[in-house]
Amino acid sequence: MEAVLLIREFEKEPVYELVEVLRFERGRRYIYRLVSSDREYFIHVLAFVDGTYVEFWHPGYAVPLLVFRVFKGEELARVLTLLRSLVGR
């Protein structure tokens, strides 16, 4: 359910650009590009059967900067607050 709420949030905002959707046996990976002032980030939403994860990637690094496991409304609110702070809202 959390993955659906995150994806709906991304679809509402024009600053998030859907780059790719990768389908796996147990879920999907949605990759969004976010351009924030002079920086660019990639946000991966991993929607599995047993949980949802959000990864924040910088294009120059081989590992994610932050990884969140979203399984309650409280964690979802933290992720959304972080996303809004990146775009300056």
C-alpha atoms as a PDB file:
ATOM      1  CA  MET A   1       0.000   0.000   0.000  1.00  0.00           C
ATOM      2  CA  GLU A   2       2.866   2.390   0.839  1.00  0.00           C
ATOM      3  CA  ALA A   3       4.338   1.943  -2.645  1.00  0.00           C
ATOM      4  CA  VAL A   4       1.069   3.034  -4.220  1.00  0.00           C
ATOM      5  CA  LEU A   5       0.958   6.173  -2.057  1.00  0.00           C
ATOM      6  CA  LEU A   6       4.548   7.054  -2.938  1.00  0.00           C
ATOM      7  CA  ILE A   7       4.007   6.568  -6.654  1.00  0.00           C
ATOM      8  CA  ARG A   8       0.848   8.688  -6.533  1.00  0.00           C
ATOM      9  CA  GLU A   9       2.847  11.422  -4.805  1.00  0.00           C
ATOM     10  CA  PHE A  10       5.479  11.267  -7.557  1.00  0.00           C
ATOM     11  CA  GLU A  11       2.845  11.434 -10.285  1.00  0.00           C
ATOM     12  CA  LYS A  12       1.324  14.588  -8.761  1.00  0.00           C
ATOM     13  CA  GLU A  13       4.597  16.524  -8.757  1.00  0.00           C
ATOM     14  CA  PRO A  14       6.122  17.618 -12.071  1.00  0.00           C
ATOM     15  CA  VAL A  15       9.683  17.597 -10.644  1.00  0.00           C
ATOM     16  CA  TYR A  16       9.802  13.777 -10.600  1.00  0.00           C
ATOM     17  CA  GLU A  17      10.485  12.131 -13.933  1.00  0.00           C
ATOM     18  CA  LEU A  18       9.844   8.400 -14.285  1.00  0.00           C
ATOM     19  CA  VAL A  19      12.980   6.928 -15.852  1.00  0.00           C
ATOM     20  CA  GLU A  20      12.343   3.204 -15.801  1.00  0.00           C
ATOM     21  CA  VAL A  21      10.261   0.428 -14.288  1.00  0.00           C
ATOM     22  CA  LEU A  22      12.011  -2.885 -13.707  1.00  0.00           C
ATOM     23  CA  ARG A  23       9.849  -5.923 -13.060  1.00  0.00           C
ATOM     24  CA  PHE A  24      11.059  -8.773 -10.893  1.00  0.00           C
ATOM     25  CA  GLU A  25       9.528 -12.049  -9.857  1.00  0.00           C
ATOM     26  CA  ARG A  26       8.577 -10.688  -6.431  1.00  0.00           C
ATOM     27  CA  GLY A  27       8.047  -7.001  -7.180  1.00  0.00           C
ATOM     28  CA  ARG A  28       9.012  -3.904  -9.121  1.00  0.00           C
ATOM     29  CA  ARG A  29      11.587  -1.121  -9.025  1.00  0.00           C
ATOM     30  CA  TYR A  30      10.384   2.336 -10.054  1.00  0.00           C
ATOM     31  CA  ILE A  31      13.236   4.736 -10.849  1.00  0.00           C
ATOM     32  CA  TYR A  32      12.532   8.466 -10.714  1.00  0.00           C
ATOM     33  CA  ARG A  33      14.860  11.355 -11.500  1.00  0.00           C
ATOM     34  CA  LEU A  34      14.721  14.463  -9.342  1.00  0.00           C
ATOM     35  CA  VAL A  35      16.509  17.664 -10.317  1.00  0.00           C
ATOM     36  CA  SER A  36      16.838  19.881  -7.263  1.00  0.00           C
ATOM     37  CA  SER A  37      18.465  23.295  -7.781  1.00  0.00           C
ATOM     38  CA  ASP A  38      21.973  22.369  -8.949  1.00  0.00           C
ATOM     39  CA  ARG A  39      21.866  18.684  -7.981  1.00  0.00           C
ATOM     40  CA  GLU A  40      20.377  15.573  -9.487  1.00  0.00           C
ATOM     41  CA  TYR A  41      19.150  12.559  -7.520  1.00  0.00           C
ATOM     42  CA  PHE A  42      17.593   9.257  -8.437  1.00  0.00           C
ATOM     43  CA  ILE A  43      14.880   7.842  -6.226  1.00  0.00           C
ATOM     44  CA  HIS A  44      14.184   4.128  -6.419  1.00  0.00           C
ATOM     45  CA  VAL A  45      10.920   2.773  -5.037  1.00  0.00           C
ATOM     46  CA  LEU A  46      11.155  -0.979  -4.557  1.00  0.00           C
ATOM     47  CA  ALA A  47       7.714  -2.496  -4.230  1.00  0.00           C
ATOM     48  CA  PHE A  48       7.967  -6.102  -3.081  1.00  0.00           C
ATOM     49  CA  VAL A  49       5.243  -8.433  -1.922  1.00  0.00           C
ATOM     50  CA  ASP A  50       6.507  -8.261   1.675  1.00  0.00           C
ATOM     51  CA  GLY A  51       7.507  -4.597   1.892  1.00  0.00           C
ATOM     52  CA  THR A  52       8.421  -1.298   0.313  1.00  0.00           C
ATOM     53  CA  TYR A  53      11.864   0.272   0.236  1.00  0.00           C
ATOM     54  CA  VAL A  54      12.958   3.731  -0.904  1.00  0.00           C
ATOM     55  CA  GLU A  55      16.543   4.355  -1.995  1.00  0.00           C
ATOM     56  CA  PHE A  56      18.131   7.752  -2.690  1.00  0.00           C
ATOM     57  CA  TRP A  57      20.939   7.618  -5.248  1.00  0.00           C
ATOM     58  CA  HIS A  58      23.440  10.195  -6.402  1.00  0.00           C
ATOM     59  CA  PRO A  59      24.479   9.620 -10.041  1.00  0.00           C
ATOM     60  CA  GLY A  60      28.187   9.615  -9.136  1.00  0.00           C
ATOM     61  CA  TYR A  61      28.020   6.902  -6.462  1.00  0.00           C
ATOM     62  CA  ALA A  62      27.777   3.145  -6.805  1.00  0.00           C
ATOM     63  CA  VAL A  63      25.748   2.697  -3.610  1.00  0.00           C
ATOM     64  CA  PRO A  64      22.604   4.485  -2.398  1.00  0.00           C
ATOM     65  CA  LEU A  65      22.963   7.497  -0.117  1.00  0.00           C
ATOM     66  CA  LEU A  66      19.932   6.541   2.001  1.00  0.00           C
ATOM     67  CA  VAL A  67      17.693   3.493   2.237  1.00  0.00           C
ATOM     68  CA  PHE A  68      14.333   3.468   4.026  1.00  0.00           C
ATOM     69  CA  ARG A  69      12.057   0.537   4.708  1.00  0.00           C
ATOM     70  CA  VAL A  70       8.544   1.908   4.601  1.00  0.00           C
ATOM     71  CA  PHE A  71       6.025  -0.242   6.412  1.00  0.00           C
ATOM     72  CA  LYS A  72       4.046   2.235   8.515  1.00  0.00           C
ATOM     73  CA  GLY A  73       2.536   5.636   8.018  1.00  0.00           C
ATOM     74  CA  GLU A  74       5.202   7.221  10.207  1.00  0.00           C
ATOM     75  CA  GLU A  75       8.062   6.091   7.937  1.00  0.00           C
ATOM     76  CA  LEU A  76       6.079   7.167   4.882  1.00  0.00           C
ATOM     77  CA  ALA A  77       5.671  10.640   6.387  1.00  0.00           C
ATOM     78  CA  ARG A  78       9.442  10.865   6.984  1.00  0.00           C
ATOM     79  CA  VAL A  79      10.227   9.914   3.402  1.00  0.00           C
ATOM     80  CA  LEU A  80       7.702  12.408   2.023  1.00  0.00           C
ATOM     81  CA  THR A  81       9.122  15.146   4.271  1.00  0.00           C
ATOM     82  CA  LEU A  82      12.623  14.401   3.013  1.00  0.00           C
ATOM     83  CA  LEU A  83      11.458  14.504  -0.597  1.00  0.00           C
ATOM     84  CA  ARG A  84       9.695  17.821  -0.082  1.00  0.00           C
ATOM     85  CA  SER A  85      12.816  19.299   1.526  1.00  0.00           C
ATOM     86  CA  LEU A  86      14.910  18.260  -1.488  1.00  0.00           C
ATOM     87  CA  VAL A  87      12.672  20.188  -3.871  1.00  0.00           C
ATOM     88  CA  GLY A  88      12.373  23.163  -1.524  1.00  0.00           C
ATOM     89  CA  ARG A  89       8.723  22.838  -0.457  1.00  0.00           C
END
